[in-house]
Amino acid sequence: MAALVDVIEQENVEALFHENMTNQSIITQLAEETGLPIAGTLYADALASEDEASTYLGMMRHNAQVLHDALAEPGHNDHDHSHDHDHDHDHDHDHDHDHDHDHDHDHDHDHDHDDHSHSH
């Protein structure tokens, strides 16, 4: 146990996590000896019986959220939201461009039709 505490201190570990299928006594002892918080439960070998970690995708989302909440630097909570917004903006821009192209094509077609009506 002392060797593990030394590694935790040398590596500047910021938080401890409990794995859902293991005995909590060791992680609890590590938390007491190092003063680190147990930041949550991670799922690896088995899914939760219900709630958000009851599917594989839910398990991955749960683990990512627990890790983010424990390890993210203060002030970086909205990074993913702004990235999604930028992606949506780019998508809308591409869609508008395609729409403008279709509009120009219709205009050219109408112009061609007008030319044919004058030749008769």
N, C-alpha and C. Protein backbone atom coordinates (compact mmCIF):
# COMPACT_ATOMS: atom_id res chain seq x y z
N MET A 1 0.83 -1.19 0.00
CA MET A 1 0.00 0.00 0.00
C MET A 1 0.87 1.26 0.00
N ALA A 2 1.97 1.24 0.74
CA ALA A 2 2.86 2.40 0.81
C ALA A 2 3.45 2.72 -0.55
N ALA A 3 3.79 1.69 -1.32
CA ALA A 3 4.34 1.91 -2.66
C ALA A 3 3.31 2.58 -3.57
N LEU A 4 2.07 2.18 -3.46
CA LEU A 4 1.00 2.77 -4.26
C LEU A 4 0.79 4.24 -3.88
N VAL A 5 0.84 4.54 -2.60
CA VAL A 5 0.72 5.92 -2.14
C VAL A 5 1.86 6.75 -2.70
N ASP A 6 3.08 6.20 -2.71
CA ASP A 6 4.24 6.92 -3.27
C ASP A 6 4.03 7.23 -4.75
N VAL A 7 3.54 6.26 -5.51
CA VAL A 7 3.29 6.47 -6.95
C VAL A 7 2.23 7.55 -7.15
N ILE A 8 1.18 7.51 -6.37
CA ILE A 8 0.10 8.51 -6.47
C ILE A 8 0.67 9.91 -6.22
N GLU A 9 1.52 10.05 -5.23
CA GLU A 9 2.11 11.35 -4.93
C GLU A 9 3.10 11.78 -6.01
N GLN A 10 3.92 10.86 -6.52
CA GLN A 10 4.89 11.19 -7.56
C GLN A 10 4.22 11.60 -8.87
N GLU A 11 3.10 10.99 -9.19
CA GLU A 11 2.40 11.26 -10.45
C GLU A 11 1.40 12.40 -10.36
N ASN A 12 1.33 13.05 -9.20
CA ASN A 12 0.40 14.16 -8.99
C ASN A 12 -1.05 13.80 -9.32
N VAL A 13 -1.46 12.63 -8.88
CA VAL A 13 -2.83 12.18 -9.10
C VAL A 13 -3.77 13.17 -8.40
N GLU A 14 -4.86 13.55 -9.08
CA GLU A 14 -5.78 14.54 -8.54
C GLU A 14 -7.04 13.95 -7.93
N ALA A 15 -7.40 12.74 -8.33
CA ALA A 15 -8.63 12.13 -7.82
C ALA A 15 -8.54 10.62 -7.94
N LEU A 16 -9.31 9.96 -7.12
CA LEU A 16 -9.41 8.50 -7.17
C LEU A 16 -10.81 8.13 -7.66
N PHE A 17 -10.93 6.98 -8.29
CA PHE A 17 -12.21 6.52 -8.82
C PHE A 17 -12.44 5.08 -8.38
N HIS A 18 -13.66 4.80 -8.04
CA HIS A 18 -14.05 3.46 -7.66
C HIS A 18 -14.53 2.73 -8.91
N GLU A 19 -14.15 1.48 -9.07
CA GLU A 19 -14.65 0.66 -10.18
C GLU A 19 -15.83 -0.14 -9.65
N ASN A 20 -16.90 -0.21 -10.40
CA ASN A 20 -18.16 -0.73 -9.87
C ASN A 20 -18.13 -2.19 -9.42
N MET A 21 -17.20 -2.99 -9.88
CA MET A 21 -17.17 -4.41 -9.52
C MET A 21 -16.08 -4.75 -8.49
N THR A 22 -15.46 -3.74 -7.89
CA THR A 22 -14.39 -4.02 -6.93
C THR A 22 -14.80 -3.62 -5.52
N ASN A 23 -14.06 -4.14 -4.58
CA ASN A 23 -14.28 -3.83 -3.18
C ASN A 23 -13.82 -2.39 -2.92
N GLN A 24 -14.63 -1.61 -2.26
CA GLN A 24 -14.31 -0.21 -2.02
C GLN A 24 -13.31 0.01 -0.89
N SER A 25 -12.98 -1.01 -0.14
CA SER A 25 -12.11 -0.81 1.03
C SER A 25 -10.72 -0.30 0.65
N ILE A 26 -10.15 -0.80 -0.44
CA ILE A 26 -8.80 -0.36 -0.83
C ILE A 26 -8.81 1.10 -1.29
N ILE A 27 -9.78 1.46 -2.13
CA ILE A 27 -9.83 2.84 -2.61
C ILE A 27 -10.14 3.79 -1.45
N THR A 28 -10.94 3.35 -0.52
CA THR A 28 -11.25 4.17 0.66
C THR A 28 -9.99 4.38 1.50
N GLN A 29 -9.20 3.33 1.68
CA GLN A 29 -7.95 3.44 2.43
C GLN A 29 -6.97 4.38 1.71
N LEU A 30 -6.88 4.25 0.37
CA LEU A 30 -6.01 5.15 -0.39
C LEU A 30 -6.46 6.60 -0.24
N ALA A 31 -7.75 6.83 -0.28
CA ALA A 31 -8.26 8.19 -0.12
C ALA A 31 -7.89 8.75 1.25
N GLU A 32 -8.00 7.93 2.27
CA GLU A 32 -7.65 8.38 3.63
C GLU A 32 -6.16 8.68 3.75
N GLU A 33 -5.32 7.84 3.15
CA GLU A 33 -3.87 8.01 3.28
C GLU A 33 -3.32 9.14 2.41
N THR A 34 -3.96 9.42 1.30
CA THR A 34 -3.46 10.46 0.39
C THR A 34 -4.20 11.78 0.52
N GLY A 35 -5.38 11.75 1.11
CA GLY A 35 -6.19 12.96 1.19
C GLY A 35 -6.92 13.29 -0.10
N LEU A 36 -6.87 12.38 -1.06
CA LEU A 36 -7.55 12.61 -2.34
C LEU A 36 -9.02 12.22 -2.26
N PRO A 37 -9.85 12.91 -3.03
CA PRO A 37 -11.27 12.54 -3.05
C PRO A 37 -11.51 11.30 -3.90
N ILE A 38 -12.54 10.54 -3.54
CA ILE A 38 -13.04 9.49 -4.44
C ILE A 38 -14.08 10.20 -5.29
N ALA A 39 -13.75 10.43 -6.55
CA ALA A 39 -14.52 11.32 -7.41
C ALA A 39 -15.72 10.66 -8.06
N GLY A 40 -15.89 9.36 -7.92
CA GLY A 40 -17.05 8.72 -8.49
C GLY A 40 -16.78 7.27 -8.85
N THR A 41 -17.80 6.65 -9.39
CA THR A 41 -17.72 5.25 -9.80
C THR A 41 -17.58 5.17 -11.31
N LEU A 42 -16.62 4.38 -11.76
CA LEU A 42 -16.44 4.11 -13.19
C LEU A 42 -16.87 2.68 -13.47
N TYR A 43 -17.42 2.46 -14.65
CA TYR A 43 -17.87 1.13 -15.06
C TYR A 43 -16.91 0.61 -16.12
N ALA A 44 -16.42 -0.63 -15.93
CA ALA A 44 -15.49 -1.21 -16.89
C ALA A 44 -15.86 -2.65 -17.23
N ASP A 45 -15.94 -3.49 -16.23
CA ASP A 45 -16.19 -4.92 -16.47
C ASP A 45 -17.65 -5.29 -16.53
N ALA A 46 -18.52 -4.43 -16.01
CA ALA A 46 -19.95 -4.76 -16.00
C ALA A 46 -20.76 -3.48 -16.06
N LEU A 47 -21.91 -3.57 -16.70
CA LEU A 47 -22.82 -2.44 -16.80
C LEU A 47 -23.58 -2.29 -15.48
N ALA A 48 -24.14 -1.13 -15.29
CA ALA A 48 -25.02 -0.91 -14.14
C ALA A 48 -26.31 -1.67 -14.37
N SER A 49 -27.00 -2.00 -13.31
CA SER A 49 -28.25 -2.74 -13.45
C SER A 49 -29.37 -1.85 -14.00
N GLU A 50 -29.25 -0.55 -13.82
CA GLU A 50 -30.24 0.39 -14.35
C GLU A 50 -29.62 1.77 -14.44
N ASP A 51 -30.38 2.74 -14.89
CA ASP A 51 -29.97 4.13 -15.03
C ASP A 51 -29.03 4.34 -16.21
N GLU A 52 -28.23 5.41 -16.14
CA GLU A 52 -27.47 5.84 -17.32
C GLU A 52 -26.36 4.89 -17.74
N ALA A 53 -25.85 4.05 -16.88
CA ALA A 53 -24.75 3.15 -17.24
C ALA A 53 -25.23 1.72 -17.49
N SER A 54 -26.50 1.56 -17.84
CA SER A 54 -27.05 0.22 -18.06
C SER A 54 -26.87 -0.28 -19.49
N THR A 55 -26.36 0.57 -20.39
CA THR A 55 -26.01 0.17 -21.75
C THR A 55 -24.54 0.51 -21.97
N TYR A 56 -23.94 -0.06 -22.99
CA TYR A 56 -22.53 0.23 -23.26
C TYR A 56 -22.32 1.72 -23.53
N LEU A 57 -23.16 2.29 -24.39
CA LEU A 57 -23.03 3.70 -24.71
C LEU A 57 -23.28 4.56 -23.46
N GLY A 58 -24.27 4.18 -22.69
CA GLY A 58 -24.54 4.90 -21.45
C GLY A 58 -23.38 4.81 -20.47
N MET A 59 -22.75 3.63 -20.41
CA MET A 59 -21.59 3.43 -19.55
C MET A 59 -20.46 4.36 -19.97
N MET A 60 -20.20 4.45 -21.26
CA MET A 60 -19.12 5.30 -21.75
C MET A 60 -19.42 6.78 -21.47
N ARG A 61 -20.66 7.18 -21.68
CA ARG A 61 -21.04 8.56 -21.38
C ARG A 61 -20.89 8.86 -19.89
N HIS A 62 -21.34 7.92 -19.06
CA HIS A 62 -21.22 8.09 -17.61
C HIS A 62 -19.75 8.25 -17.21
N ASN A 63 -18.90 7.33 -17.69
CA ASN A 63 -17.47 7.39 -17.35
C ASN A 63 -16.85 8.70 -17.81
N ALA A 64 -17.17 9.13 -19.02
CA ALA A 64 -16.60 10.38 -19.55
C ALA A 64 -17.04 11.56 -18.69
N GLN A 65 -18.30 11.58 -18.29
CA GLN A 65 -18.80 12.68 -17.46
C GLN A 65 -18.14 12.69 -16.09
N VAL A 66 -18.01 11.52 -15.47
CA VAL A 66 -17.37 11.43 -14.15
C VAL A 66 -15.91 11.90 -14.24
N LEU A 67 -15.20 11.44 -15.26
CA LEU A 67 -13.80 11.86 -15.44
C LEU A 67 -13.71 13.36 -15.70
N HIS A 68 -14.57 13.86 -16.56
CA HIS A 68 -14.56 15.30 -16.87
C HIS A 68 -14.83 16.13 -15.61
N ASP A 69 -15.87 15.75 -14.88
CA ASP A 69 -16.23 16.51 -13.68
C ASP A 69 -15.10 16.54 -12.67
N ALA A 70 -14.35 15.46 -12.56
CA ALA A 70 -13.28 15.37 -11.57
C ALA A 70 -11.98 16.02 -12.03
N LEU A 71 -11.72 16.01 -13.33
CA LEU A 71 -10.39 16.38 -13.81
C LEU A 71 -10.33 17.64 -14.66
N ALA A 72 -11.46 18.15 -15.11
CA ALA A 72 -11.45 19.33 -15.98
C ALA A 72 -10.96 20.55 -15.20
N GLU A 73 -10.26 21.41 -15.92
CA GLU A 73 -9.80 22.64 -15.30
C GLU A 73 -11.01 23.56 -15.13
N PRO A 74 -11.03 24.33 -14.06
CA PRO A 74 -12.16 25.26 -13.86
C PRO A 74 -12.30 26.20 -15.05
N GLY A 75 -13.53 26.46 -15.46
CA GLY A 75 -13.78 27.36 -16.57
C GLY A 75 -13.84 26.69 -17.92
N HIS A 76 -13.63 25.39 -18.00
CA HIS A 76 -13.68 24.69 -19.28
C HIS A 76 -14.92 23.82 -19.42
N ASN A 77 -15.95 24.10 -18.69
CA ASN A 77 -17.15 23.27 -18.70
C ASN A 77 -17.95 23.40 -19.98
N ASP A 78 -17.88 24.53 -20.68
CA ASP A 78 -18.71 24.74 -21.87
C ASP A 78 -17.98 24.50 -23.17
N HIS A 79 -16.78 23.94 -23.14
CA HIS A 79 -16.01 23.75 -24.36
C HIS A 79 -16.76 22.93 -25.40
N ASP A 80 -17.32 21.80 -25.01
CA ASP A 80 -18.01 20.94 -25.97
C ASP A 80 -19.23 21.62 -26.55
N HIS A 81 -19.94 22.42 -25.76
CA HIS A 81 -21.13 23.09 -26.25
C HIS A 81 -20.77 24.08 -27.36
N SER A 82 -19.73 24.88 -27.17
CA SER A 82 -19.38 25.86 -28.19
C SER A 82 -18.88 25.18 -29.44
N HIS A 83 -18.22 24.05 -29.30
CA HIS A 83 -17.76 23.31 -30.48
C HIS A 83 -18.95 22.81 -31.29
N ASP A 84 -19.97 22.29 -30.61
CA ASP A 84 -21.15 21.82 -31.31
C ASP A 84 -21.83 22.97 -32.04
N HIS A 85 -21.87 24.14 -31.42
CA HIS A 85 -22.50 25.29 -32.04
C HIS A 85 -21.76 25.67 -33.33
N ASP A 86 -20.44 25.68 -33.29
CA ASP A 86 -19.67 26.00 -34.48
C ASP A 86 -19.93 24.99 -35.59
N HIS A 87 -20.04 23.72 -35.24
CA HIS A 87 -20.30 22.70 -36.24
C HIS A 87 -21.66 22.93 -36.89
N ASP A 88 -22.67 23.26 -36.09
CA ASP A 88 -24.00 23.51 -36.63
C ASP A 88 -23.97 24.71 -37.56
N HIS A 89 -23.20 25.74 -37.20
CA HIS A 89 -23.12 26.93 -38.03
C HIS A 89 -22.51 26.59 -39.39
N ASP A 90 -21.44 25.80 -39.39
CA ASP A 90 -20.83 25.41 -40.66
C ASP A 90 -21.80 24.61 -41.51
N HIS A 91 -22.56 23.73 -40.89
CA HIS A 91 -23.52 22.92 -41.63
C HIS A 91 -24.58 23.81 -42.26
N ASP A 92 -25.09 24.78 -41.51
CA ASP A 92 -26.11 25.68 -42.04
C ASP A 92 -25.55 26.48 -43.21
N HIS A 93 -24.31 26.90 -43.11
CA HIS A 93 -23.70 27.67 -44.19
C HIS A 93 -23.63 26.84 -45.47
N ASP A 94 -23.22 25.59 -45.36
CA ASP A 94 -23.16 24.72 -46.53
C ASP A 94 -24.54 24.53 -47.13
N HIS A 95 -25.55 24.38 -46.28
CA HIS A 95 -26.91 24.18 -46.76
C HIS A 95 -27.37 25.43 -47.51
N ASP A 96 -27.10 26.62 -46.97
CA ASP A 96 -27.51 27.85 -47.63
C ASP A 96 -26.83 27.99 -48.98
N HIS A 97 -25.58 27.61 -49.06
CA HIS A 97 -24.85 27.69 -50.31
C HIS A 97 -25.50 26.81 -51.37
N ASP A 98 -25.87 25.60 -51.00
CA ASP A 98 -26.53 24.70 -51.94
C ASP A 98 -27.86 25.27 -52.38
N HIS A 99 -28.59 25.90 -51.48
CA HIS A 99 -29.88 26.47 -51.81
C HIS A 99 -29.70 27.61 -52.81
N ASP A 100 -28.68 28.47 -52.59
CA ASP A 100 -28.42 29.57 -53.51
C ASP A 100 -28.09 29.04 -54.90
N HIS A 101 -27.35 27.96 -54.96
CA HIS A 101 -26.99 27.38 -56.25
C HIS A 101 -28.24 26.93 -57.00
N ASP A 102 -29.17 26.28 -56.30
CA ASP A 102 -30.41 25.84 -56.93
C ASP A 102 -31.21 27.04 -57.42
N HIS A 103 -31.21 28.10 -56.66
CA HIS A 103 -31.95 29.29 -57.04
C HIS A 103 -31.37 29.89 -58.32
N ASP A 104 -30.05 29.98 -58.42
CA ASP A 104 -29.42 30.51 -59.62
C ASP A 104 -29.75 29.66 -60.83
N HIS A 105 -29.79 28.35 -60.65
CA HIS A 105 -30.11 27.45 -61.75
C HIS A 105 -31.53 27.71 -62.25
N ASP A 106 -32.47 27.90 -61.34
CA ASP A 106 -33.85 28.18 -61.73
C ASP A 106 -33.93 29.49 -62.49
N HIS A 107 -33.16 30.48 -62.03
CA HIS A 107 -33.16 31.78 -62.70
C HIS A 107 -32.63 31.64 -64.12
N ASP A 108 -31.55 30.90 -64.32
CA ASP A 108 -31.00 30.68 -65.65
C ASP A 108 -32.00 29.96 -66.53
N HIS A 109 -32.71 29.00 -65.99
CA HIS A 109 -33.70 28.24 -66.75
C HIS A 109 -34.83 29.17 -67.20
N ASP A 110 -35.29 30.05 -66.32
CA ASP A 110 -36.35 30.99 -66.69
C ASP A 110 -35.87 31.92 -67.80
N HIS A 111 -34.62 32.34 -67.72
CA HIS A 111 -34.06 33.22 -68.73
C HIS A 111 -34.01 32.50 -70.08
N ASP A 112 -33.59 31.24 -70.09
CA ASP A 112 -33.57 30.47 -71.33
C ASP A 112 -34.97 30.33 -71.90
N HIS A 113 -35.95 30.16 -71.06
CA HIS A 113 -37.33 30.01 -71.51
C HIS A 113 -37.81 31.31 -72.16
N ASP A 114 -37.42 32.46 -71.57
CA ASP A 114 -37.80 33.74 -72.14
C ASP A 114 -37.19 33.92 -73.51
N ASP A 115 -35.94 33.48 -73.70
CA ASP A 115 -35.29 33.61 -75.00
C ASP A 115 -36.03 32.81 -76.06
N HIS A 116 -36.52 31.64 -75.73
CA HIS A 116 -37.23 30.81 -76.69
C HIS A 116 -38.56 31.43 -77.07
N SER A 117 -39.20 32.12 -76.17
CA SER A 117 -40.50 32.70 -76.49
C SER A 117 -40.34 33.87 -77.46
N HIS A 118 -39.21 34.56 -77.47
CA HIS A 118 -38.99 35.68 -78.39
C HIS A 118 -38.67 35.21 -79.79
N SER A 119 -38.18 34.01 -79.94
CA SER A 119 -37.77 33.56 -81.27
C SER A 119 -38.96 33.13 -82.10
N HIS A 120 -40.12 32.94 -81.52
CA HIS A 120 -41.29 32.49 -82.29
C HIS A 120 -42.00 33.63 -82.83
